[in-house]
PDB file of all heavy atoms in Angstrom:
ATOM      1  N   LEU A   1       0.829  -1.212   0.000  1.00  0.00           N
ATOM      2  CA  LEU A   1       0.000   0.000   0.000  1.00  0.00           C
ATOM      3  C   LEU A   1       0.862   1.260   0.000  1.00  0.00           C
ATOM      4  O   LEU A   1       0.530   2.251  -0.657  1.00  0.00           O
ATOM      5  CB  LEU A   1      -0.928   0.013   1.218  1.00  0.00           C
ATOM      6  CG  LEU A   1      -2.192  -0.834   1.136  1.00  0.00           C
ATOM      7  CD1 LEU A   1      -3.006  -0.699   2.419  1.00  0.00           C
ATOM      8  CD2 LEU A   1      -3.053  -0.433  -0.056  1.00  0.00           C
ATOM      9  N   SER A   2       1.976   1.230   0.750  1.00  0.00           N
ATOM     10  CA  SER A   2       2.891   2.377   0.775  1.00  0.00           C
ATOM     11  C   SER A   2       3.475   2.622  -0.612  1.00  0.00           C
ATOM     12  O   SER A   2       3.567   3.768  -1.067  1.00  0.00           O
ATOM     13  CB  SER A   2       4.018   2.143   1.780  1.00  0.00           C
ATOM     14  OG  SER A   2       3.516   2.051   3.084  1.00  0.00           O
ATOM     15  N   LEU A   3       3.872   1.550  -1.278  1.00  0.00           N
ATOM     16  CA  LEU A   3       4.410   1.677  -2.636  1.00  0.00           C
ATOM     17  C   LEU A   3       3.374   2.256  -3.582  1.00  0.00           C
ATOM     18  O   LEU A   3       3.684   3.066  -4.462  1.00  0.00           O
ATOM     19  CB  LEU A   3       4.880   0.310  -3.142  1.00  0.00           C
ATOM     20  CG  LEU A   3       6.242  -0.174  -2.653  1.00  0.00           C
ATOM     21  CD1 LEU A   3       6.450  -1.633  -3.009  1.00  0.00           C
ATOM     22  CD2 LEU A   3       7.358   0.675  -3.242  1.00  0.00           C
ATOM     23  N   TYR A   4       2.110   1.863  -3.398  1.00  0.00           N
ATOM     24  CA  TYR A   4       1.031   2.332  -4.274  1.00  0.00           C
ATOM     25  C   TYR A   4       0.687   3.795  -3.997  1.00  0.00           C
ATOM     26  O   TYR A   4       0.505   4.591  -4.911  1.00  0.00           O
ATOM     27  CB  TYR A   4      -0.206   1.453  -4.075  1.00  0.00           C
ATOM     28  CG  TYR A   4      -1.415   1.917  -4.854  1.00  0.00           C
ATOM     29  CD1 TYR A   4      -1.506   1.688  -6.231  1.00  0.00           C
ATOM     30  CD2 TYR A   4      -2.452   2.597  -4.213  1.00  0.00           C
ATOM     31  CE1 TYR A   4      -2.604   2.128  -6.947  1.00  0.00           C
ATOM     32  CE2 TYR A   4      -3.557   3.032  -4.917  1.00  0.00           C
ATOM     33  CZ  TYR A   4      -3.631   2.796  -6.288  1.00  0.00           C
ATOM     34  OH  TYR A   4      -4.719   3.230  -6.984  1.00  0.00           O
ATOM     35  N   SER A   5       0.613   4.177  -2.700  1.00  0.00           N
ATOM     36  CA  SER A   5       0.148   5.517  -2.336  1.00  0.00           C
ATOM     37  C   SER A   5       1.228   6.588  -2.518  1.00  0.00           C
ATOM     38  O   SER A   5       0.928   7.725  -2.854  1.00  0.00           O
ATOM     39  CB  SER A   5      -0.349   5.533  -0.887  1.00  0.00           C
ATOM     40  OG  SER A   5       0.719   5.247   0.000  1.00  0.00           O
ATOM     41  N   ASP A   6       2.487   6.249  -2.268  1.00  0.00           N
ATOM     42  CA  ASP A   6       3.578   7.228  -2.400  1.00  0.00           C
ATOM     43  C   ASP A   6       4.803   6.534  -2.994  1.00  0.00           C
ATOM     44  O   ASP A   6       5.779   6.259  -2.294  1.00  0.00           O
ATOM     45  CB  ASP A   6       3.903   7.840  -1.031  1.00  0.00           C
ATOM     46  CG  ASP A   6       4.858   9.020  -1.132  1.00  0.00           C
ATOM     47  OD1 ASP A   6       5.256   9.371  -2.258  1.00  0.00           O
ATOM     48  OD2 ASP A   6       5.211   9.599  -0.082  1.00  0.00           O
ATOM     49  N   PRO A   7       4.757   6.243  -4.298  1.00  0.00           N
ATOM     50  CA  PRO A   7       5.851   5.466  -4.909  1.00  0.00           C
ATOM     51  C   PRO A   7       7.196   6.174  -4.875  1.00  0.00           C
ATOM     52  O   PRO A   7       8.232   5.522  -4.812  1.00  0.00           O
ATOM     53  CB  PRO A   7       5.374   5.247  -6.360  1.00  0.00           C
ATOM     54  CG  PRO A   7       4.332   6.280  -6.588  1.00  0.00           C
ATOM     55  CD  PRO A   7       3.697   6.556  -5.263  1.00  0.00           C
ATOM     56  N   PHE A   8       7.197   7.524  -4.873  1.00  0.00           N
ATOM     57  CA  PHE A   8       8.470   8.248  -4.903  1.00  0.00           C
ATOM     58  C   PHE A   8       9.236   8.074  -3.588  1.00  0.00           C
ATOM     59  O   PHE A   8      10.392   7.644  -3.572  1.00  0.00           O
ATOM     60  CB  PHE A   8       8.233   9.739  -5.174  1.00  0.00           C
ATOM     61  CG  PHE A   8       9.497  10.538  -5.219  1.00  0.00           C
ATOM     62  CD1 PHE A   8      10.352  10.460  -6.312  1.00  0.00           C
ATOM     63  CD2 PHE A   8       9.847  11.372  -4.163  1.00  0.00           C
ATOM     64  CE1 PHE A   8      11.529  11.196  -6.351  1.00  0.00           C
ATOM     65  CE2 PHE A   8      11.021  12.107  -4.192  1.00  0.00           C
ATOM     66  CZ  PHE A   8      11.869  12.023  -5.288  1.00  0.00           C
ATOM     67  N   SER A   9       8.570   8.390  -2.452  1.00  0.00           N
ATOM     68  CA  SER A   9       9.241   8.294  -1.147  1.00  0.00           C
ATOM     69  C   SER A   9       9.612   6.859  -0.816  1.00  0.00           C
ATOM     70  O   SER A   9      10.730   6.580  -0.360  1.00  0.00           O
ATOM     71  CB  SER A   9       8.335   8.856  -0.046  1.00  0.00           C
ATOM     72  OG  SER A   9       8.102  10.225  -0.251  1.00  0.00           O
ATOM     73  N   THR A  10       8.661   5.938  -1.031  1.00  0.00           N
ATOM     74  CA  THR A  10       8.950   4.535  -0.731  1.00  0.00           C
ATOM     75  C   THR A  10       9.983   3.959  -1.695  1.00  0.00           C
ATOM     76  O   THR A  10      10.764   3.092  -1.320  1.00  0.00           O
ATOM     77  CB  THR A  10       7.668   3.687  -0.776  1.00  0.00           C
ATOM     78  OG1 THR A  10       6.966   3.947  -2.001  1.00  0.00           O
ATOM     79  CG2 THR A  10       6.745   4.015   0.376  1.00  0.00           C
ATOM     80  N   GLY A  11       9.992   4.479  -2.928  1.00  0.00           N
ATOM     81  CA  GLY A  11      11.013   4.039  -3.888  1.00  0.00           C
ATOM     82  C   GLY A  11      12.401   4.436  -3.443  1.00  0.00           C
ATOM     83  O   GLY A  11      13.361   3.653  -3.563  1.00  0.00           O
ATOM     84  N   ILE A  12      12.534   5.667  -2.916  1.00  0.00           N
ATOM     85  CA  ILE A  12      13.823   6.113  -2.370  1.00  0.00           C
ATOM     86  C   ILE A  12      14.230   5.219  -1.197  1.00  0.00           C
ATOM     87  O   ILE A  12      15.379   4.775  -1.086  1.00  0.00           O
ATOM     88  CB  ILE A  12      13.742   7.588  -1.920  1.00  0.00           C
ATOM     89  CG1 ILE A  12      13.604   8.501  -3.131  1.00  0.00           C
ATOM     90  CG2 ILE A  12      14.986   7.969  -1.108  1.00  0.00           C
ATOM     91  CD1 ILE A  12      13.363   9.954  -2.787  1.00  0.00           C
ATOM     92  N   GLY A  13      13.249   4.937  -0.300  1.00  0.00           N
ATOM     93  CA  GLY A  13      13.523   4.058   0.839  1.00  0.00           C
ATOM     94  C   GLY A  13      13.955   2.677   0.395  1.00  0.00           C
ATOM     95  O   GLY A  13      14.886   2.085   0.950  1.00  0.00           O
ATOM     96  N   PHE A  14      13.294   2.153  -0.635  1.00  0.00           N
ATOM     97  CA  PHE A  14      13.624   0.830  -1.145  1.00  0.00           C
ATOM     98  C   PHE A  14      15.022   0.819  -1.763  1.00  0.00           C
ATOM     99  O   PHE A  14      15.792  -0.130  -1.579  1.00  0.00           O
ATOM    100  CB  PHE A  14      12.574   0.398  -2.164  1.00  0.00           C
ATOM    101  CG  PHE A  14      12.679  -1.040  -2.572  1.00  0.00           C
ATOM    102  CD1 PHE A  14      12.544  -2.055  -1.635  1.00  0.00           C
ATOM    103  CD2 PHE A  14      12.911  -1.387  -3.888  1.00  0.00           C
ATOM    104  CE1 PHE A  14      12.636  -3.386  -2.001  1.00  0.00           C
ATOM    105  CE2 PHE A  14      13.005  -2.712  -4.262  1.00  0.00           C
ATOM    106  CZ  PHE A  14      12.873  -3.716  -3.318  1.00  0.00           C
ATOM    107  N   THR A  15      15.358   1.891  -2.480  1.00  0.00           N
ATOM    108  CA  THR A  15      16.680   1.987  -3.108  1.00  0.00           C
ATOM    109  C   THR A  15      17.783   2.045  -2.048  1.00  0.00           C
ATOM    110  O   THR A  15      18.807   1.357  -2.158  1.00  0.00           O
ATOM    111  CB  THR A  15      16.755   3.239  -3.997  1.00  0.00           C
ATOM    112  OG1 THR A  15      15.706   3.194  -4.965  1.00  0.00           O
ATOM    113  CG2 THR A  15      18.086   3.324  -4.710  1.00  0.00           C
ATOM    114  N   ILE A  16      17.558   2.867  -1.013  1.00  0.00           N
ATOM    115  CA  ILE A  16      18.541   2.955   0.075  1.00  0.00           C
ATOM    116  C   ILE A  16      18.689   1.599   0.766  1.00  0.00           C
ATOM    117  O   ILE A  16      19.796   1.179   1.113  1.00  0.00           O
ATOM    118  CB  ILE A  16      18.130   4.047   1.081  1.00  0.00           C
ATOM    119  CG1 ILE A  16      18.229   5.425   0.429  1.00  0.00           C
ATOM    120  CG2 ILE A  16      19.010   3.999   2.332  1.00  0.00           C
ATOM    121  CD1 ILE A  16      17.679   6.557   1.261  1.00  0.00           C
ATOM    122  N   THR A  17      17.562   0.900   0.954  1.00  0.00           N
ATOM    123  CA  THR A  17      17.604  -0.422   1.579  1.00  0.00           C
ATOM    124  C   THR A  17      18.419  -1.399   0.740  1.00  0.00           C
ATOM    125  O   THR A  17      19.205  -2.188   1.273  1.00  0.00           O
ATOM    126  CB  THR A  17      16.171  -0.960   1.766  1.00  0.00           C
ATOM    127  OG1 THR A  17      15.425  -0.029   2.551  1.00  0.00           O
ATOM    128  CG2 THR A  17      16.173  -2.311   2.466  1.00  0.00           C
ATOM    129  N   LEU A  18      18.249  -1.336  -0.586  1.00  0.00           N
ATOM    130  CA  LEU A  18      18.969  -2.250  -1.480  1.00  0.00           C
ATOM    131  C   LEU A  18      20.480  -2.021  -1.458  1.00  0.00           C
ATOM    132  O   LEU A  18      21.252  -2.937  -1.750  1.00  0.00           O
ATOM    133  CB  LEU A  18      18.454  -2.114  -2.914  1.00  0.00           C
ATOM    134  CG  LEU A  18      17.081  -2.735  -3.195  1.00  0.00           C
ATOM    135  CD1 LEU A  18      16.675  -2.472  -4.640  1.00  0.00           C
ATOM    136  CD2 LEU A  18      17.079  -4.237  -2.924  1.00  0.00           C
ATOM    137  N   THR A  19      20.918  -0.804  -1.101  1.00  0.00           N
ATOM    138  CA  THR A  19      22.371  -0.558  -1.029  1.00  0.00           C
ATOM    139  C   THR A  19      23.014  -1.404   0.065  1.00  0.00           C
ATOM    140  O   THR A  19      24.235  -1.598   0.058  1.00  0.00           O
ATOM    141  CB  THR A  19      22.674   0.929  -0.758  1.00  0.00           C
ATOM    142  OG1 THR A  19      22.097   1.306   0.508  1.00  0.00           O
ATOM    143  CG2 THR A  19      22.129   1.814  -1.857  1.00  0.00           C
ATOM    144  N   GLY A  20      22.208  -1.900   0.999  1.00  0.00           N
ATOM    145  CA  GLY A  20      22.742  -2.763   2.048  1.00  0.00           C
ATOM    146  C   GLY A  20      23.212  -4.107   1.523  1.00  0.00           C
ATOM    147  O   GLY A  20      24.064  -4.757   2.146  1.00  0.00           O
ATOM    148  N   VAL A  21      22.674  -4.543   0.368  1.00  0.00           N
ATOM    149  CA  VAL A  21      23.046  -5.863  -0.175  1.00  0.00           C
ATOM    150  C   VAL A  21      24.508  -5.880  -0.623  1.00  0.00           C
ATOM    151  O   VAL A  21      25.285  -6.720  -0.160  1.00  0.00           O
ATOM    152  CB  VAL A  21      22.089  -6.270  -1.322  1.00  0.00           C
ATOM    153  CG1 VAL A  21      22.529  -7.587  -1.940  1.00  0.00           C
ATOM    154  CG2 VAL A  21      20.661  -6.372  -0.805  1.00  0.00           C
ATOM    155  N   PRO A  22      24.945  -4.972  -1.521  1.00  0.00           N
ATOM    156  CA  PRO A  22      26.386  -4.979  -1.872  1.00  0.00           C
ATOM    157  C   PRO A  22      27.275  -4.654  -0.675  1.00  0.00           C
ATOM    158  O   PRO A  22      28.379  -5.209  -0.567  1.00  0.00           O
ATOM    159  CB  PRO A  22      26.504  -3.905  -2.962  1.00  0.00           C
ATOM    160  CG  PRO A  22      25.282  -3.070  -2.837  1.00  0.00           C
ATOM    161  CD  PRO A  22      24.210  -3.962  -2.312  1.00  0.00           C
ATOM    162  N   ALA A  23      26.812  -3.780   0.223  1.00  0.00           N
ATOM    163  CA  ALA A  23      27.621  -3.453   1.409  1.00  0.00           C
ATOM    164  C   ALA A  23      27.824  -4.697   2.270  1.00  0.00           C
ATOM    165  O   ALA A  23      28.917  -4.927   2.802  1.00  0.00           O
ATOM    166  CB  ALA A  23      26.932  -2.350   2.219  1.00  0.00           C
ATOM    167  N   TYR A  24      26.781  -5.520   2.407  1.00  0.00           N
ATOM    168  CA  TYR A  24      26.880  -6.741   3.221  1.00  0.00           C
ATOM    169  C   TYR A  24      27.897  -7.710   2.601  1.00  0.00           C
ATOM    170  O   TYR A  24      28.730  -8.274   3.307  1.00  0.00           O
ATOM    171  CB  TYR A  24      25.505  -7.396   3.325  1.00  0.00           C
ATOM    172  CG  TYR A  24      25.496  -8.661   4.145  1.00  0.00           C
ATOM    173  CD1 TYR A  24      25.593  -8.624   5.532  1.00  0.00           C
ATOM    174  CD2 TYR A  24      25.411  -9.911   3.527  1.00  0.00           C
ATOM    175  CE1 TYR A  24      25.595  -9.784   6.286  1.00  0.00           C
ATOM    176  CE2 TYR A  24      25.414 -11.080   4.274  1.00  0.00           C
ATOM    177  CZ  TYR A  24      25.494 -11.002   5.648  1.00  0.00           C
ATOM    178  OH  TYR A  24      25.505 -12.157   6.389  1.00  0.00           O
ATOM    179  N   TYR A  25      27.825  -7.886   1.285  1.00  0.00           N
ATOM    180  CA  TYR A  25      28.770  -8.809   0.631  1.00  0.00           C
ATOM    181  C   TYR A  25      30.193  -8.258   0.650  1.00  0.00           C
ATOM    182  O   TYR A  25      31.155  -9.017   0.798  1.00  0.00           O
ATOM    183  CB  TYR A  25      28.322  -9.084  -0.803  1.00  0.00           C
ATOM    184  CG  TYR A  25      27.251 -10.144  -0.884  1.00  0.00           C
ATOM    185  CD1 TYR A  25      25.911  -9.805  -0.870  1.00  0.00           C
ATOM    186  CD2 TYR A  25      27.587 -11.501  -0.942  1.00  0.00           C
ATOM    187  CE1 TYR A  25      24.926 -10.772  -0.917  1.00  0.00           C
ATOM    188  CE2 TYR A  25      26.621 -12.481  -0.990  1.00  0.00           C
ATOM    189  CZ  TYR A  25      25.285 -12.108  -0.973  1.00  0.00           C
ATOM    190  OH  TYR A  25      24.314 -13.078  -1.014  1.00  0.00           O
ATOM    191  N   LEU A  26      30.324  -6.940   0.539  1.00  0.00           N
ATOM    192  CA  LEU A  26      31.648  -6.331   0.499  1.00  0.00           C
ATOM    193  C   LEU A  26      32.336  -6.361   1.857  1.00  0.00           C
ATOM    194  O   LEU A  26      33.512  -6.707   1.975  1.00  0.00           O
ATOM    195  CB  LEU A  26      31.529  -4.882   0.002  1.00  0.00           C
ATOM    196  CG  LEU A  26      32.827  -4.103  -0.175  1.00  0.00           C
ATOM    197  CD1 LEU A  26      33.692  -4.742  -1.262  1.00  0.00           C
ATOM    198  CD2 LEU A  26      32.527  -2.650  -0.539  1.00  0.00           C
ATOM    199  N   PHE A  27      31.596  -6.036   2.917  1.00  0.00           N
ATOM    200  CA  PHE A  27      32.209  -5.879   4.240  1.00  0.00           C
ATOM    201  C   PHE A  27      32.084  -7.124   5.123  1.00  0.00           C
ATOM    202  O   PHE A  27      32.866  -7.292   6.049  1.00  0.00           O
ATOM    203  CB  PHE A  27      31.596  -4.683   4.971  1.00  0.00           C
ATOM    204  CG  PHE A  27      31.919  -3.370   4.331  1.00  0.00           C
ATOM    205  CD1 PHE A  27      30.959  -2.698   3.593  1.00  0.00           C
ATOM    206  CD2 PHE A  27      33.179  -2.815   4.443  1.00  0.00           C
ATOM    207  CE1 PHE A  27      31.253  -1.489   2.993  1.00  0.00           C
ATOM    208  CE2 PHE A  27      33.483  -1.603   3.844  1.00  0.00           C
ATOM    209  CZ  PHE A  27      32.521  -0.937   3.103  1.00  0.00           C
ATOM    210  N   ILE A  28      31.108  -8.000   4.857  1.00  0.00           N
ATOM    211  CA  ILE A  28      30.868  -9.141   5.743  1.00  0.00           C
ATOM    212  C   ILE A  28      31.212 -10.473   5.078  1.00  0.00           C
ATOM    213  O   ILE A  28      31.990 -11.266   5.598  1.00  0.00           O
ATOM    214  CB  ILE A  28      29.396  -9.151   6.218  1.00  0.00           C
ATOM    215  CG1 ILE A  28      28.997  -7.794   6.810  1.00  0.00           C
ATOM    216  CG2 ILE A  28      29.168 -10.275   7.222  1.00  0.00           C
ATOM    217  CD1 ILE A  28      29.849  -7.339   7.967  1.00  0.00           C
TER     218      ILE A  28
END
């Protein structure tokens, strides 16, 4: 519902969250 109602803000949040994936593989 958040993605549907405010795709811009939640999209930014989702993008920032996805940056954790390469960081996890790189540092851990």
